[in-house]
Amino acid sequence: MGEPEKTGDCVKVAIRMRPLSKKELGNNESSIVDLEEMTSSDGNGSVAISDPSGKEKPATFAFDIVFGTDVLQSTVYDCIGKPALNSMFAGYNGTIFAYGQTGSGKSWSMMGGEGELRGIIPRVNEQLFVSIASQVEEIRTRRYLVMCSFFEIYNEIIFDLLNPCQDRAKLGAGLQIKEHPVLGIYVKDLQEIVVDDAAKLGSLMDSGTKNRAVSSTLMNAVSSRSHSIFTIKVHQKDDE
């Protein structure tokens, strides 16, 4: 594991362009987006959106990172997930926030598929324990405790995805958000589970994902109809 990347920015914004869907291709639609790809922190990429009618000039937007339609999942992880993980080991909180309309590829970028199609979260899970094993091997007195939680916000109600209720109607307003003078903002009664390897972390992630609220939309047959937050807490101490 290398040193955290040196950067003056606390927040970076990346954009990923998805390929045209089968429906769009079937309708003979074409892309109106031109990209200047950028997959490093050395500069900025850009996205230009053209007016199909040709009446308006293209609108151009700049982003820290721009991924094209052919980008590899491993490249997305290297640019987004790996720096966040390295910064975490340096003692910083890291958040990866995926935003976009239904069918835009949020779940694919974050979760992905099997093998080399794995998304950011499975790759972070794997590398987390590889890095922990490496540090413990190097510093024998170092100990780590890894915990995770997973919840969704559906219709402005918070549900625990790792401790699901069979009848959500019985939960009423769901879990509550509280503020603690030391802990800060937290979700009361949200279950946190201790994990000791990547396989268990991945299993919990898969189990929680199956409990999410989904429904069919015009853009996606199994669209996630909620916002979800998967949190990994890593505690480190050195035994004298």
C-alpha atoms as a PDB file:
ATOM      1  CA  MET A   1       0.000   0.000   0.000  1.00  0.00           C
ATOM      2  CA  GLY A   2       1.463   3.341  -1.034  1.00  0.00           C
ATOM      3  CA  GLU A   3       1.284   6.702   0.618  1.00  0.00           C
ATOM      4  CA  PRO A   4      -1.990   8.654   0.307  1.00  0.00           C
ATOM      5  CA  GLU A   5      -2.058  10.790  -2.804  1.00  0.00           C
ATOM      6  CA  LYS A   6      -0.934  14.353  -2.228  1.00  0.00           C
ATOM      7  CA  THR A   7      -3.740  16.672  -3.220  1.00  0.00           C
ATOM      8  CA  GLY A   8      -5.036  20.037  -2.192  1.00  0.00           C
ATOM      9  CA  ASP A   9      -8.647  19.151  -2.878  1.00  0.00           C
ATOM     10  CA  CYS A  10     -10.889  17.480  -0.316  1.00  0.00           C
ATOM     11  CA  VAL A  11     -13.622  16.766  -2.882  1.00  0.00           C
ATOM     12  CA  LYS A  12     -13.247  15.484  -6.421  1.00  0.00           C
ATOM     13  CA  VAL A  13     -16.063  15.087  -8.928  1.00  0.00           C
ATOM     14  CA  ALA A  14     -16.017  12.301 -11.503  1.00  0.00           C
ATOM     15  CA  ILE A  15     -18.490  11.567 -14.272  1.00  0.00           C
ATOM     16  CA  ARG A  16     -18.997   8.284 -16.110  1.00  0.00           C
ATOM     17  CA  MET A  17     -20.825   8.042 -19.392  1.00  0.00           C
ATOM     18  CA  ARG A  18     -22.844   4.889 -19.941  1.00  0.00           C
ATOM     19  CA  PRO A  19     -23.237   3.253 -23.361  1.00  0.00           C
ATOM     20  CA  LEU A  20     -26.500   3.590 -25.239  1.00  0.00           C
ATOM     21  CA  SER A  21     -29.078   1.082 -24.028  1.00  0.00           C
ATOM     22  CA  LYS A  22     -30.646  -1.605 -26.214  1.00  0.00           C
ATOM     23  CA  LYS A  23     -33.843   0.439 -26.260  1.00  0.00           C
ATOM     24  CA  GLU A  24     -32.005   3.546 -27.409  1.00  0.00           C
ATOM     25  CA  LEU A  25     -30.135   1.612 -30.096  1.00  0.00           C
ATOM     26  CA  GLY A  26     -33.404   0.022 -31.215  1.00  0.00           C
ATOM     27  CA  ASN A  27     -34.885   3.490 -31.646  1.00  0.00           C
ATOM     28  CA  ASN A  28     -31.868   4.491 -33.781  1.00  0.00           C
ATOM     29  CA  GLU A  29     -30.901   7.142 -31.263  1.00  0.00           C
ATOM     30  CA  SER A  30     -27.382   8.542 -31.181  1.00  0.00           C
ATOM     31  CA  SER A  31     -25.237  10.188 -28.536  1.00  0.00           C
ATOM     32  CA  ILE A  32     -25.096  13.981 -28.274  1.00  0.00           C
ATOM     33  CA  VAL A  33     -22.243  13.897 -25.753  1.00  0.00           C
ATOM     34  CA  ASP A  34     -18.555  14.399 -26.539  1.00  0.00           C
ATOM     35  CA  LEU A  35     -15.954  13.613 -23.882  1.00  0.00           C
ATOM     36  CA  GLU A  36     -12.425  14.664 -23.146  1.00  0.00           C
ATOM     37  CA  GLU A  37     -11.507  11.765 -20.900  1.00  0.00           C
ATOM     38  CA  MET A  38      -9.341  12.271 -17.816  1.00  0.00           C
ATOM     39  CA  THR A  39      -8.491   9.393 -15.491  1.00  0.00           C
ATOM     40  CA  SER A  40      -5.774  11.010 -13.379  1.00  0.00           C
ATOM     41  CA  SER A  41      -5.534  13.899 -10.941  1.00  0.00           C
ATOM     42  CA  ASP A  42      -3.140  15.802 -13.206  1.00  0.00           C
ATOM     43  CA  GLY A  43      -5.803  17.831 -14.971  1.00  0.00           C
ATOM     44  CA  ASN A  44      -9.475  18.204 -15.807  1.00  0.00           C
ATOM     45  CA  GLY A  45     -11.672  16.407 -18.286  1.00  0.00           C
ATOM     46  CA  SER A  46     -14.677  17.897 -20.005  1.00  0.00           C
ATOM     47  CA  VAL A  47     -18.123  16.947 -21.255  1.00  0.00           C
ATOM     48  CA  ALA A  48     -19.788  18.745 -24.160  1.00  0.00           C
ATOM     49  CA  ILE A  49     -23.528  18.310 -24.772  1.00  0.00           C
ATOM     50  CA  SER A  50     -24.776  19.261 -28.224  1.00  0.00           C
ATOM     51  CA  ASP A  51     -28.220  20.514 -29.211  1.00  0.00           C
ATOM     52  CA  PRO A  52     -29.722  17.873 -31.562  1.00  0.00           C
ATOM     53  CA  SER A  53     -31.479  20.634 -33.507  1.00  0.00           C
ATOM     54  CA  GLY A  54     -28.253  22.567 -33.930  1.00  0.00           C
ATOM     55  CA  LYS A  55     -29.812  25.802 -32.763  1.00  0.00           C
ATOM     56  CA  GLU A  56     -27.694  26.180 -29.628  1.00  0.00           C
ATOM     57  CA  LYS A  57     -23.958  25.977 -29.131  1.00  0.00           C
ATOM     58  CA  PRO A  58     -22.693  22.900 -27.259  1.00  0.00           C
ATOM     59  CA  ALA A  59     -22.708  23.281 -23.465  1.00  0.00           C
ATOM     60  CA  THR A  60     -19.355  22.308 -21.952  1.00  0.00           C
ATOM     61  CA  PHE A  61     -18.760  21.199 -18.363  1.00  0.00           C
ATOM     62  CA  ALA A  62     -15.456  20.486 -16.597  1.00  0.00           C
ATOM     63  CA  PHE A  63     -14.871  17.601 -14.158  1.00  0.00           C
ATOM     64  CA  ASP A  64     -11.870  16.340 -12.221  1.00  0.00           C
ATOM     65  CA  ILE A  65     -12.249  12.862 -13.710  1.00  0.00           C
ATOM     66  CA  VAL A  66     -14.140  11.832 -16.861  1.00  0.00           C
ATOM     67  CA  PHE A  67     -14.744   8.180 -17.740  1.00  0.00           C
ATOM     68  CA  GLY A  68     -15.835   7.127 -21.219  1.00  0.00           C
ATOM     69  CA  THR A  69     -18.163   4.276 -22.143  1.00  0.00           C
ATOM     70  CA  ASP A  70     -15.309   1.769 -22.548  1.00  0.00           C
ATOM     71  CA  VAL A  71     -13.617   2.390 -19.201  1.00  0.00           C
ATOM     72  CA  LEU A  72     -12.630  -0.702 -17.226  1.00  0.00           C
ATOM     73  CA  GLN A  73     -14.073  -1.294 -13.768  1.00  0.00           C
ATOM     74  CA  SER A  74     -10.508  -1.612 -12.470  1.00  0.00           C
ATOM     75  CA  THR A  75      -9.718   1.879 -13.771  1.00  0.00           C
ATOM     76  CA  VAL A  76     -12.742   3.333 -11.993  1.00  0.00           C
ATOM     77  CA  TYR A  77     -11.558   1.706  -8.749  1.00  0.00           C
ATOM     78  CA  ASP A  78      -7.986   2.947  -9.193  1.00  0.00           C
ATOM     79  CA  CYS A  79      -9.206   6.524  -9.691  1.00  0.00           C
ATOM     80  CA  ILE A  80     -11.995   6.602  -7.090  1.00  0.00           C
ATOM     81  CA  GLY A  81     -11.847   3.738  -4.592  1.00  0.00           C
ATOM     82  CA  LYS A  82      -8.110   3.287  -4.097  1.00  0.00           C
ATOM     83  CA  PRO A  83      -7.343   6.918  -3.096  1.00  0.00           C
ATOM     84  CA  ALA A  84     -10.245   6.884  -0.613  1.00  0.00           C
ATOM     85  CA  LEU A  85      -8.986   3.629   0.929  1.00  0.00           C
ATOM     86  CA  ASN A  86      -5.411   4.908   1.204  1.00  0.00           C
ATOM     87  CA  SER A  87      -6.617   8.111   2.852  1.00  0.00           C
ATOM     88  CA  MET A  88      -8.639   6.050   5.337  1.00  0.00           C
ATOM     89  CA  PHE A  89      -5.490   4.287   6.516  1.00  0.00           C
ATOM     90  CA  ALA A  90      -3.955   7.733   6.991  1.00  0.00           C
ATOM     91  CA  GLY A  91      -6.764   8.587   9.411  1.00  0.00           C
ATOM     92  CA  TYR A  92      -9.243  10.422   7.193  1.00  0.00           C
ATOM     93  CA  ASN A  93     -12.922   9.729   6.612  1.00  0.00           C
ATOM     94  CA  GLY A  94     -13.722   8.820   3.029  1.00  0.00           C
ATOM     95  CA  THR A  95     -17.043   9.014   1.209  1.00  0.00           C
ATOM     96  CA  ILE A  96     -17.915   7.923  -2.320  1.00  0.00           C
ATOM     97  CA  PHE A  97     -21.263   9.403  -3.353  1.00  0.00           C
ATOM     98  CA  ALA A  98     -22.896   8.029  -6.515  1.00  0.00           C
ATOM     99  CA  TYR A  99     -25.528  10.305  -8.041  1.00  0.00           C
ATOM    100  CA  GLY A 100     -27.599  10.041 -11.205  1.00  0.00           C
ATOM    101  CA  GLN A 101     -31.001   9.211 -12.641  1.00  0.00           C
ATOM    102  CA  THR A 102     -32.353   5.682 -12.696  1.00  0.00           C
ATOM    103  CA  GLY A 103     -30.552   3.497 -15.203  1.00  0.00           C
ATOM    104  CA  SER A 104     -27.466   5.728 -15.359  1.00  0.00           C
ATOM    105  CA  GLY A 105     -25.109   3.103 -13.939  1.00  0.00           C
ATOM    106  CA  LYS A 106     -24.768   3.957 -10.242  1.00  0.00           C
ATOM    107  CA  SER A 107     -25.210   0.385  -9.004  1.00  0.00           C
ATOM    108  CA  TRP A 108     -22.992  -0.939 -11.787  1.00  0.00           C
ATOM    109  CA  SER A 109     -20.175   1.441 -10.868  1.00  0.00           C
ATOM    110  CA  MET A 110     -20.444   0.754  -7.147  1.00  0.00           C
ATOM    111  CA  MET A 111     -21.258  -2.988  -7.157  1.00  0.00           C
ATOM    112  CA  GLY A 112     -20.657  -4.251 -10.693  1.00  0.00           C
ATOM    113  CA  GLY A 113     -20.729  -7.923 -11.639  1.00  0.00           C
ATOM    114  CA  GLU A 114     -18.462 -10.962 -11.313  1.00  0.00           C
ATOM    115  CA  GLY A 115     -14.721 -11.259 -11.802  1.00  0.00           C
ATOM    116  CA  GLU A 116     -13.137  -8.304 -13.575  1.00  0.00           C
ATOM    117  CA  LEU A 117     -16.553  -6.618 -13.701  1.00  0.00           C
ATOM    118  CA  ARG A 118     -16.518  -6.065  -9.918  1.00  0.00           C
ATOM    119  CA  GLY A 119     -17.359  -2.517  -8.902  1.00  0.00           C
ATOM    120  CA  ILE A 120     -15.766  -0.116  -6.446  1.00  0.00           C
ATOM    121  CA  ILE A 121     -17.184  -1.577  -3.215  1.00  0.00           C
ATOM    122  CA  PRO A 122     -16.136  -5.231  -3.746  1.00  0.00           C
ATOM    123  CA  ARG A 123     -12.645  -4.085  -4.727  1.00  0.00           C
ATOM    124  CA  VAL A 124     -12.377  -1.810  -1.679  1.00  0.00           C
ATOM    125  CA  ASN A 125     -13.524  -4.697   0.539  1.00  0.00           C
ATOM    126  CA  GLU A 126     -10.841  -6.997  -0.842  1.00  0.00           C
ATOM    127  CA  GLN A 127      -7.994  -4.494  -0.719  1.00  0.00           C
ATOM    128  CA  LEU A 128      -8.977  -3.386   2.793  1.00  0.00           C
ATOM    129  CA  PHE A 129      -8.088  -6.766   4.289  1.00  0.00           C
ATOM    130  CA  VAL A 130      -5.025  -7.171   2.068  1.00  0.00           C
ATOM    131  CA  SER A 131      -3.736  -3.853   3.422  1.00  0.00           C
ATOM    132  CA  ILE A 132      -4.604  -4.798   7.015  1.00  0.00           C
ATOM    133  CA  ALA A 133      -2.718  -8.104   6.697  1.00  0.00           C
ATOM    134  CA  SER A 134       0.270  -6.282   5.255  1.00  0.00           C
ATOM    135  CA  GLN A 135       0.357  -3.720   8.072  1.00  0.00           C
ATOM    136  CA  VAL A 136      -0.050  -6.352  10.793  1.00  0.00           C
ATOM    137  CA  GLU A 137       2.793  -8.346   9.234  1.00  0.00           C
ATOM    138  CA  GLU A 138       4.975  -5.250   9.228  1.00  0.00           C
ATOM    139  CA  ILE A 139       3.991  -4.017  12.718  1.00  0.00           C
ATOM    140  CA  ARG A 140       3.242  -7.023  14.928  1.00  0.00           C
ATOM    141  CA  THR A 141       1.705  -4.930  17.725  1.00  0.00           C
ATOM    142  CA  ARG A 142      -0.903  -3.351  15.454  1.00  0.00           C
ATOM    143  CA  ARG A 143      -4.526  -4.508  15.713  1.00  0.00           C
ATOM    144  CA  TYR A 144      -7.585  -3.693  13.597  1.00  0.00           C
ATOM    145  CA  LEU A 145     -11.331  -3.989  14.162  1.00  0.00           C
ATOM    146  CA  VAL A 146     -13.580  -3.722  11.108  1.00  0.00           C
ATOM    147  CA  MET A 147     -17.329  -3.116  11.409  1.00  0.00           C
ATOM    148  CA  CYS A 148     -19.997  -2.412   8.825  1.00  0.00           C
ATOM    149  CA  SER A 149     -23.570  -1.166   8.612  1.00  0.00           C
ATOM    150  CA  PHE A 150     -25.985  -0.860   5.700  1.00  0.00           C
ATOM    151  CA  PHE A 151     -29.238   1.092   5.550  1.00  0.00           C
ATOM    152  CA  GLU A 152     -31.560   2.637   3.009  1.00  0.00           C
ATOM    153  CA  ILE A 153     -33.728   5.739   2.945  1.00  0.00           C
ATOM    154  CA  TYR A 154     -37.016   4.899   1.249  1.00  0.00           C
ATOM    155  CA  ASN A 155     -39.860   7.402   1.160  1.00  0.00           C
ATOM    156  CA  GLU A 156     -37.900   9.417   3.753  1.00  0.00           C
ATOM    157  CA  ILE A 157     -37.904   6.448   6.152  1.00  0.00           C
ATOM    158  CA  ILE A 158     -34.687   4.720   7.280  1.00  0.00           C
ATOM    159  CA  PHE A 159     -34.551   0.904   7.175  1.00  0.00           C
ATOM    160  CA  ASP A 160     -31.725  -1.347   8.397  1.00  0.00           C
ATOM    161  CA  LEU A 161     -30.766  -3.629   5.497  1.00  0.00           C
ATOM    162  CA  LEU A 162     -28.681  -5.970   7.687  1.00  0.00           C
ATOM    163  CA  ASN A 163     -31.491  -6.440  10.191  1.00  0.00           C
ATOM    164  CA  PRO A 164     -34.600  -6.238   8.003  1.00  0.00           C
ATOM    165  CA  CYS A 165     -38.130  -6.165   9.347  1.00  0.00           C
ATOM    166  CA  GLN A 166     -40.520  -8.620   7.710  1.00  0.00           C
ATOM    167  CA  ASP A 167     -43.332  -6.079   7.868  1.00  0.00           C
ATOM    168  CA  ARG A 168     -42.002  -2.568   7.296  1.00  0.00           C
ATOM    169  CA  ALA A 169     -45.374  -1.071   8.128  1.00  0.00           C
ATOM    170  CA  LYS A 170     -44.785  -2.048  11.770  1.00  0.00           C
ATOM    171  CA  LEU A 171     -41.712   0.167  11.954  1.00  0.00           C
ATOM    172  CA  GLY A 172     -43.775   3.312  11.580  1.00  0.00           C
ATOM    173  CA  ALA A 173     -41.296   6.135  11.066  1.00  0.00           C
ATOM    174  CA  GLY A 174     -38.372   3.706  10.882  1.00  0.00           C
ATOM    175  CA  LEU A 175     -34.991   4.305  12.506  1.00  0.00           C
ATOM    176  CA  GLN A 176     -34.178   7.748  13.851  1.00  0.00           C
ATOM    177  CA  ILE A 177     -31.258  10.073  13.169  1.00  0.00           C
ATOM    178  CA  LYS A 178     -29.598  11.363  16.336  1.00  0.00           C
ATOM    179  CA  GLU A 179     -26.691  13.641  17.202  1.00  0.00           C
ATOM    180  CA  HIS A 180     -24.075  12.872  19.843  1.00  0.00           C
ATOM    181  CA  PRO A 181     -21.520  15.396  21.183  1.00  0.00           C
ATOM    182  CA  VAL A 182     -18.682  12.934  20.522  1.00  0.00           C
ATOM    183  CA  LEU A 183     -19.991  10.519  17.881  1.00  0.00           C
ATOM    184  CA  GLY A 184     -21.664  13.205  15.806  1.00  0.00           C
ATOM    185  CA  ILE A 185     -24.606  12.293  13.563  1.00  0.00           C
ATOM    186  CA  TYR A 186     -25.667   8.641  13.771  1.00  0.00           C
ATOM    187  CA  VAL A 187     -28.659   6.351  13.201  1.00  0.00           C
ATOM    188  CA  LYS A 188     -30.119   5.063  16.460  1.00  0.00           C
ATOM    189  CA  ASP A 189     -30.449   1.252  16.775  1.00  0.00           C
ATOM    190  CA  LEU A 190     -28.689   0.662  13.443  1.00  0.00           C
ATOM    191  CA  GLN A 191     -26.939  -2.712  13.581  1.00  0.00           C
ATOM    192  CA  GLU A 192     -23.156  -2.746  13.179  1.00  0.00           C
ATOM    193  CA  ILE A 193     -21.568  -6.114  12.463  1.00  0.00           C
ATOM    194  CA  VAL A 194     -17.936  -7.049  13.080  1.00  0.00           C
ATOM    195  CA  VAL A 195     -16.240  -8.603  10.047  1.00  0.00           C
ATOM    196  CA  ASP A 196     -12.879 -10.327   9.874  1.00  0.00           C
ATOM    197  CA  ASP A 197     -12.423 -10.991   6.170  1.00  0.00           C
ATOM    198  CA  ALA A 198     -13.481  -9.759   2.733  1.00  0.00           C
ATOM    199  CA  ALA A 199     -15.761 -12.763   2.145  1.00  0.00           C
ATOM    200  CA  LYS A 200     -17.970 -11.955   5.139  1.00  0.00           C
ATOM    201  CA  LEU A 201     -18.050  -8.272   4.238  1.00  0.00           C
ATOM    202  CA  GLY A 202     -19.093  -9.141   0.703  1.00  0.00           C
ATOM    203  CA  SER A 203     -21.733 -11.564   1.974  1.00  0.00           C
ATOM    204  CA  LEU A 204     -23.283  -8.888   4.180  1.00  0.00           C
ATOM    205  CA  MET A 205     -23.265  -6.456   1.287  1.00  0.00           C
ATOM    206  CA  ASP A 206     -25.039  -8.972  -0.965  1.00  0.00           C
ATOM    207  CA  SER A 207     -27.567  -9.818   1.759  1.00  0.00           C
ATOM    208  CA  GLY A 208     -28.373  -6.169   2.369  1.00  0.00           C
ATOM    209  CA  THR A 209     -28.690  -5.432  -1.336  1.00  0.00           C
ATOM    210  CA  LYS A 210     -31.362  -8.133  -1.665  1.00  0.00           C
ATOM    211  CA  ASN A 211     -33.401  -6.348   1.020  1.00  0.00           C
ATOM    212  CA  ARG A 212     -33.501  -3.050  -0.854  1.00  0.00           C
ATOM    213  CA  ALA A 213     -36.726  -1.668  -2.280  1.00  0.00           C
ATOM    214  CA  VAL A 214     -36.823  -2.097  -6.072  1.00  0.00           C
ATOM    215  CA  SER A 215     -39.424  -1.639  -8.794  1.00  0.00           C
ATOM    216  CA  SER A 216     -39.664  -1.362 -12.553  1.00  0.00           C
ATOM    217  CA  THR A 217     -39.250   1.950 -14.399  1.00  0.00           C
ATOM    218  CA  LEU A 218     -39.111   2.882 -18.058  1.00  0.00           C
ATOM    219  CA  MET A 219     -35.313   3.059 -17.789  1.00  0.00           C
ATOM    220  CA  ASN A 220     -34.620   0.061 -15.556  1.00  0.00           C
ATOM    221  CA  ALA A 221     -36.636  -3.105 -14.877  1.00  0.00           C
ATOM    222  CA  VAL A 222     -35.132  -3.551 -11.401  1.00  0.00           C
ATOM    223  CA  SER A 223     -34.435   0.020 -10.387  1.00  0.00           C
ATOM    224  CA  SER A 224     -33.389   0.690  -6.789  1.00  0.00           C
ATOM    225  CA  ARG A 225     -36.097   2.962  -5.428  1.00  0.00           C
ATOM    226  CA  SER A 226     -34.141   4.169  -2.410  1.00  0.00           C
ATOM    227  CA  HIS A 227     -30.910   5.813  -1.334  1.00  0.00           C
ATOM    228  CA  SER A 228     -28.554   3.388   0.416  1.00  0.00           C
ATOM    229  CA  ILE A 229     -25.504   3.966   2.603  1.00  0.00           C
ATOM    230  CA  PHE A 230     -22.935   1.227   3.216  1.00  0.00           C
ATOM    231  CA  THR A 231     -20.488   2.193   5.971  1.00  0.00           C
ATOM    232  CA  ILE A 232     -17.217   0.515   6.912  1.00  0.00           C
ATOM    233  CA  LYS A 233     -15.585   1.536  10.189  1.00  0.00           C
ATOM    234  CA  VAL A 234     -11.960   0.621  10.810  1.00  0.00           C
ATOM    235  CA  HIS A 235     -10.525   0.929  14.329  1.00  0.00           C
ATOM    236  CA  GLN A 236      -6.760   0.747  14.765  1.00  0.00           C
ATOM    237  CA  LYS A 237      -4.679   0.414  17.919  1.00  0.00           C
ATOM    238  CA  ASP A 238      -1.124  -0.505  18.773  1.00  0.00           C
ATOM    239  CA  ASP A 239      -0.452  -2.850  21.679  1.00  0.00           C
ATOM    240  CA  GLU A 240       2.597  -1.827  23.692  1.00  0.00           C
END
